[in-house]
Amino acid sequence: MRIRSIVMLLTLTGACATSSGGGGRSGMAYGENAQADYEHALLAFRKGNCLDAEPEFRAVRRKYPYSRYAALAELRVADCKMMQDEWAEAVTAYRQFVRFRPSHSQIPYARFRIAEAHFQQIPSEWLLSPPSHERDQQPTQEALRQLRRYVLDFPEAERVGEARQMIEKALRILAAHELYVARFYLRRDAYPAVINRCRTMLSSYDGSGLEAEALLLMGETYLEMADREQARRAFQEIVDRYPEADEADDARSHLRTLGT
């Protein structure tokens, strides 16, 4: 009986060890399989083949939700949307990543891509179409908002320089749009509307590079309104702040005429 009890104990111990070891190997296989499937999808992705890569990334997310590759697969799905110019879908995918994985190291990347997707929706310049600043500016405004938030939240991120360049372009487009509308009002002698548009441009889109142009338009509009003092202030600001701008010569000429 004693020998039989020892045999049974050894058998049970071996079974438990086998079970424990199998669990460990199973856990290792889970991670290894997740990595293998992700890297297989990544090969197609790097070749620009999202037709094959995207469903494979989705499969990684579905089959291995507790692996680190699930999160990476989510990002690559969003990247595929970007590669296929599906901007709205890309924004949705990146936003979901940011929402459900707020502590992930790739959050700055996802946030930049959200801003970039909006930026890509800014109307392009085409030979037979109106300039971008004459069209709907909602995508440009949203791109500027997202880019500014990205730079503010991640000042040390590697793509901040690229984001700043995009901000400058968005600012210039939005400022040009305000000047376009201001000149529309000027042609209709709606002088207060011209002034309001110029002031909006100067306060909202500082750094656009079109400040001197807006100030000159303001000054000349004030002259049309017979408000010599406000005109003088606008022209003097050009001379003081933008002495090298093309508009500075016109401003000096106006100041001489005004006797200052």
Protein backbone atom coordinates (compact mmCIF):
# COMPACT_ATOMS: atom_id res chain seq x y z
CA MET A 1 0.00 0.00 0.00
CA ARG A 2 2.81 2.35 0.86
CA ILE A 3 4.54 1.72 -2.48
CA ARG A 4 1.24 2.22 -4.33
CA SER A 5 0.69 5.53 -2.50
CA ILE A 6 4.17 6.75 -3.46
CA VAL A 7 3.59 5.81 -7.09
CA MET A 8 0.28 7.64 -7.14
CA LEU A 9 1.87 10.72 -5.52
CA LEU A 10 4.67 10.77 -8.06
CA THR A 11 2.17 10.38 -10.87
CA LEU A 12 0.08 13.30 -9.62
CA THR A 13 3.16 15.46 -9.11
CA GLY A 14 4.35 14.72 -12.64
CA ALA A 15 0.95 15.53 -14.04
CA CYS A 16 0.90 18.87 -12.25
CA ALA A 17 4.39 19.67 -13.45
CA THR A 18 3.43 18.79 -17.00
CA SER A 19 0.34 20.96 -16.74
CA SER A 20 2.36 23.89 -15.37
CA GLY A 21 5.07 23.50 -17.96
CA GLY A 22 2.53 23.26 -20.73
CA GLY A 23 0.92 26.45 -19.53
CA GLY A 24 4.25 28.23 -19.67
CA ARG A 25 5.00 26.97 -23.14
CA SER A 26 1.50 27.91 -24.23
CA GLY A 27 1.99 31.45 -22.94
CA MET A 28 5.30 31.69 -24.77
CA ALA A 29 3.73 30.36 -27.95
CA TYR A 30 0.96 32.95 -27.67
CA GLY A 31 3.45 35.82 -27.71
CA GLU A 32 5.62 34.22 -30.37
CA ASN A 33 2.64 33.55 -32.63
CA ALA A 34 1.40 37.11 -32.16
CA GLN A 35 4.81 38.45 -33.12
CA ALA A 36 5.09 36.14 -36.14
CA ASP A 37 1.65 37.09 -37.46
CA TYR A 38 2.29 40.79 -36.89
CA GLU A 39 5.65 40.70 -38.66
CA HIS A 40 4.13 38.79 -41.58
CA ALA A 41 1.53 41.53 -41.98
CA LEU A 42 4.24 44.14 -41.58
CA LEU A 43 6.11 42.80 -44.61
CA ALA A 44 3.11 43.47 -46.83
CA PHE A 45 2.55 46.84 -45.19
CA ARG A 46 6.12 47.98 -45.86
CA LYS A 47 5.65 47.09 -49.51
CA GLY A 48 2.60 49.35 -49.61
CA ASN A 49 0.26 46.39 -49.89
CA CYS A 50 -2.49 47.31 -47.45
CA LEU A 51 -4.98 45.16 -49.32
CA ASP A 52 -3.30 42.13 -47.74
CA ALA A 53 -1.79 43.78 -44.68
CA GLU A 54 -4.88 45.40 -43.19
CA PRO A 55 -6.96 42.21 -42.72
CA GLU A 56 -3.89 40.48 -41.28
CA PHE A 57 -3.40 43.28 -38.76
CA ARG A 58 -7.07 43.02 -37.82
CA ALA A 59 -6.59 39.29 -37.29
CA VAL A 60 -3.67 39.94 -34.95
CA ARG A 61 -5.85 42.30 -32.94
CA ARG A 62 -8.63 39.73 -32.76
CA LYS A 63 -6.54 36.63 -32.06
CA TYR A 64 -4.01 38.14 -29.63
CA PRO A 65 -5.82 40.93 -27.76
CA TYR A 66 -3.56 40.61 -24.71
CA SER A 67 -0.26 40.82 -26.57
CA ARG A 68 1.73 43.99 -27.22
CA TYR A 69 1.22 43.38 -30.92
CA ALA A 70 -2.51 44.02 -30.67
CA ALA A 71 -1.90 47.72 -30.06
CA LEU A 72 0.72 47.92 -32.81
CA ALA A 73 -1.68 46.19 -35.19
CA GLU A 74 -4.33 48.81 -34.39
CA LEU A 75 -1.91 51.56 -35.35
CA ARG A 76 -0.97 49.84 -38.59
CA VAL A 77 -4.65 49.53 -39.55
CA ALA A 78 -4.94 53.29 -39.07
CA ASP A 79 -1.75 53.76 -41.10
CA CYS A 80 -3.29 51.73 -43.90
CA LYS A 81 -6.24 54.11 -43.94
CA MET A 82 -3.79 56.99 -44.30
CA MET A 83 -1.94 55.24 -47.12
CA GLN A 84 -5.23 54.79 -48.96
CA ASP A 85 -6.23 58.47 -48.47
CA GLU A 86 -9.18 57.44 -46.30
CA TRP A 87 -8.72 60.42 -44.01
CA ALA A 88 -11.93 60.25 -41.98
CA GLU A 89 -11.47 56.53 -41.32
CA ALA A 90 -7.85 57.12 -40.33
CA VAL A 91 -8.85 59.83 -37.85
CA THR A 92 -11.43 57.51 -36.30
CA ALA A 93 -8.90 54.67 -35.95
CA TYR A 94 -6.21 56.86 -34.38
CA ARG A 95 -8.75 58.45 -32.02
CA GLN A 96 -9.84 55.02 -30.82
CA PHE A 97 -6.22 54.11 -30.14
CA VAL A 98 -5.70 57.31 -28.14
CA ARG A 99 -8.92 56.78 -26.21
CA PHE A 100 -8.42 53.14 -25.25
CA ARG A 101 -4.62 53.13 -24.83
CA PRO A 102 -3.92 56.50 -23.19
CA SER A 103 -0.64 55.41 -21.59
CA HIS A 104 0.87 53.77 -24.69
CA SER A 105 4.25 55.04 -25.84
CA GLN A 106 2.89 55.61 -29.36
CA ILE A 107 0.28 58.19 -28.29
CA PRO A 108 2.37 61.11 -29.64
CA TYR A 109 2.62 59.32 -32.98
CA ALA A 110 -1.14 58.73 -33.11
CA ARG A 111 -1.87 62.34 -32.17
CA PHE A 112 0.42 63.63 -34.92
CA ARG A 113 -1.25 61.38 -37.46
CA ILE A 114 -4.68 62.70 -36.45
CA ALA A 115 -3.46 66.23 -37.16
CA GLU A 116 -1.82 65.10 -40.40
CA ALA A 117 -5.03 63.45 -41.61
CA HIS A 118 -6.89 66.72 -41.13
CA PHE A 119 -4.06 68.60 -42.84
CA GLN A 120 -4.29 66.30 -45.86
CA GLN A 121 -7.92 67.33 -46.28
CA ILE A 122 -7.00 70.97 -46.92
CA PRO A 123 -8.09 71.75 -50.51
CA SER A 124 -5.20 71.32 -52.90
CA GLU A 125 -4.08 73.81 -55.53
CA TRP A 126 -5.25 72.69 -58.97
CA LEU A 127 -4.72 74.51 -62.25
CA LEU A 128 -8.43 74.81 -63.08
CA SER A 129 -9.80 75.15 -59.54
CA PRO A 130 -9.96 78.18 -57.22
CA PRO A 131 -6.98 78.67 -54.90
CA SER A 132 -7.22 76.80 -51.61
CA HIS A 133 -7.76 80.01 -49.63
CA GLU A 134 -10.95 80.72 -51.60
CA ARG A 135 -12.62 77.45 -50.57
CA ASP A 136 -14.14 75.96 -47.43
CA GLN A 137 -11.65 76.32 -44.59
CA GLN A 138 -13.12 73.89 -42.05
CA PRO A 139 -10.41 71.23 -42.70
CA THR A 140 -7.70 73.89 -42.43
CA GLN A 141 -9.09 75.20 -39.13
CA GLU A 142 -9.33 71.70 -37.66
CA ALA A 143 -5.81 70.86 -38.87
CA LEU A 144 -4.45 74.00 -37.23
CA ARG A 145 -6.25 73.19 -33.97
CA GLN A 146 -4.92 69.63 -33.86
CA LEU A 147 -1.39 70.65 -34.81
CA ARG A 148 -1.25 73.34 -32.14
CA ARG A 149 -2.47 70.87 -29.51
CA TYR A 150 0.14 68.33 -30.60
CA VAL A 151 2.99 70.84 -30.33
CA LEU A 152 1.72 72.04 -26.95
CA ASP A 153 1.26 68.54 -25.52
CA PHE A 154 4.43 66.97 -26.94
CA PRO A 155 7.04 69.76 -27.32
CA GLU A 156 9.91 67.26 -27.38
CA ALA A 157 8.38 64.80 -29.86
CA GLU A 158 10.42 64.00 -32.93
CA ARG A 159 7.82 65.32 -35.39
CA VAL A 160 7.34 68.73 -33.78
CA GLY A 161 9.44 70.40 -36.46
CA GLU A 162 7.28 68.92 -39.19
CA ALA A 163 4.16 69.97 -37.28
CA ARG A 164 5.41 73.57 -37.04
CA GLN A 165 5.91 73.71 -40.80
CA MET A 166 2.35 72.47 -41.29
CA ILE A 167 1.10 75.09 -38.81
CA GLU A 168 2.79 77.84 -40.83
CA LYS A 169 1.14 76.65 -44.02
CA ALA A 170 -2.29 76.39 -42.37
CA LEU A 171 -1.91 79.87 -40.87
CA ARG A 172 -1.06 81.35 -44.25
CA ILE A 173 -4.04 79.70 -45.95
CA LEU A 174 -6.45 80.88 -43.26
CA ALA A 175 -4.99 84.39 -43.26
CA ALA A 176 -5.20 84.55 -47.05
CA HIS A 177 -8.84 83.48 -46.81
CA GLU A 178 -9.62 86.35 -44.44
CA LEU A 179 -7.95 88.82 -46.81
CA TYR A 180 -9.85 87.33 -49.75
CA VAL A 181 -13.15 87.90 -47.93
CA ALA A 182 -12.04 91.38 -46.83
CA ARG A 183 -11.39 92.39 -50.43
CA PHE A 184 -14.78 90.98 -51.38
CA TYR A 185 -16.34 93.43 -48.92
CA LEU A 186 -14.07 96.23 -50.13
CA ARG A 187 -15.42 95.89 -53.67
CA ARG A 188 -18.87 96.47 -52.20
CA ASP A 189 -17.78 99.45 -50.10
CA ALA A 190 -18.60 97.54 -46.90
CA TYR A 191 -15.72 99.18 -45.04
CA PRO A 192 -16.52 98.11 -41.44
CA ALA A 193 -16.65 94.49 -42.62
CA VAL A 194 -13.23 94.92 -44.22
CA ILE A 195 -11.78 96.22 -40.95
CA ASN A 196 -13.35 93.39 -38.95
CA ARG A 197 -11.91 90.75 -41.28
CA CYS A 198 -8.44 92.26 -41.10
CA ARG A 199 -8.58 92.47 -37.32
CA THR A 200 -9.71 88.84 -37.13
CA MET A 201 -6.81 87.81 -39.33
CA LEU A 202 -4.27 89.69 -37.25
CA SER A 203 -5.55 88.36 -33.91
CA SER A 204 -6.25 84.75 -34.92
CA TYR A 205 -3.49 83.96 -37.43
CA ASP A 206 -0.42 85.70 -36.11
CA GLY A 207 2.67 84.25 -37.77
CA SER A 208 1.06 83.83 -41.18
CA GLY A 209 3.49 86.22 -42.87
CA LEU A 210 0.59 88.29 -44.23
CA GLU A 211 0.33 90.75 -41.34
CA ALA A 212 1.79 93.68 -43.27
CA GLU A 213 -0.62 93.07 -46.13
CA ALA A 214 -3.58 93.10 -43.73
CA LEU A 215 -2.39 96.29 -42.03
CA LEU A 216 -1.97 98.04 -45.38
CA LEU A 217 -5.48 97.03 -46.38
CA MET A 218 -6.77 98.29 -43.05
CA GLY A 219 -4.99 101.62 -43.40
CA GLU A 220 -6.23 102.20 -46.93
CA THR A 221 -9.76 101.26 -45.89
CA TYR A 222 -9.61 103.75 -43.02
CA LEU A 223 -8.61 106.40 -45.55
CA GLU A 224 -11.74 105.55 -47.55
CA MET A 225 -13.67 106.04 -44.31
CA ALA A 226 -11.92 109.42 -43.75
CA ASP A 227 -10.47 108.16 -40.47
CA ARG A 228 -6.99 109.57 -40.84
CA GLU A 229 -5.83 108.75 -37.30
CA GLN A 230 -6.67 105.03 -37.52
CA ALA A 231 -5.09 104.94 -40.99
CA ARG A 232 -1.92 106.52 -39.67
CA ARG A 233 -1.71 103.94 -36.86
CA ALA A 234 -2.02 101.05 -39.29
CA PHE A 235 0.66 102.44 -41.61
CA GLN A 236 2.98 103.23 -38.71
CA GLU A 237 2.65 99.68 -37.39
CA ILE A 238 3.82 98.35 -40.73
CA VAL A 239 6.89 100.59 -40.66
CA ASP A 240 7.68 99.74 -37.05
CA ARG A 241 7.07 95.98 -37.11
CA TYR A 242 7.69 95.01 -40.74
CA PRO A 243 10.17 97.53 -42.15
CA GLU A 244 11.49 95.05 -44.73
CA ALA A 245 8.08 94.00 -46.04
CA ASP A 246 7.03 95.00 -49.56
CA GLU A 247 4.10 96.92 -48.03
CA ALA A 248 6.45 99.11 -45.97
CA ASP A 249 7.20 101.43 -48.90
CA ASP A 250 3.50 102.02 -49.51
CA ALA A 251 3.00 102.64 -45.80
CA ARG A 252 5.78 105.27 -45.74
CA SER A 253 4.26 106.95 -48.77
CA HIS A 254 0.88 107.13 -47.05
CA LEU A 255 2.48 108.50 -43.88
CA ARG A 256 4.16 111.27 -45.86
CA THR A 257 0.82 112.15 -47.43
CA LEU A 258 -0.76 112.24 -43.99
CA GLY A 259 1.96 114.58 -42.81
CA THR A 260 3.62 112.35 -40.23
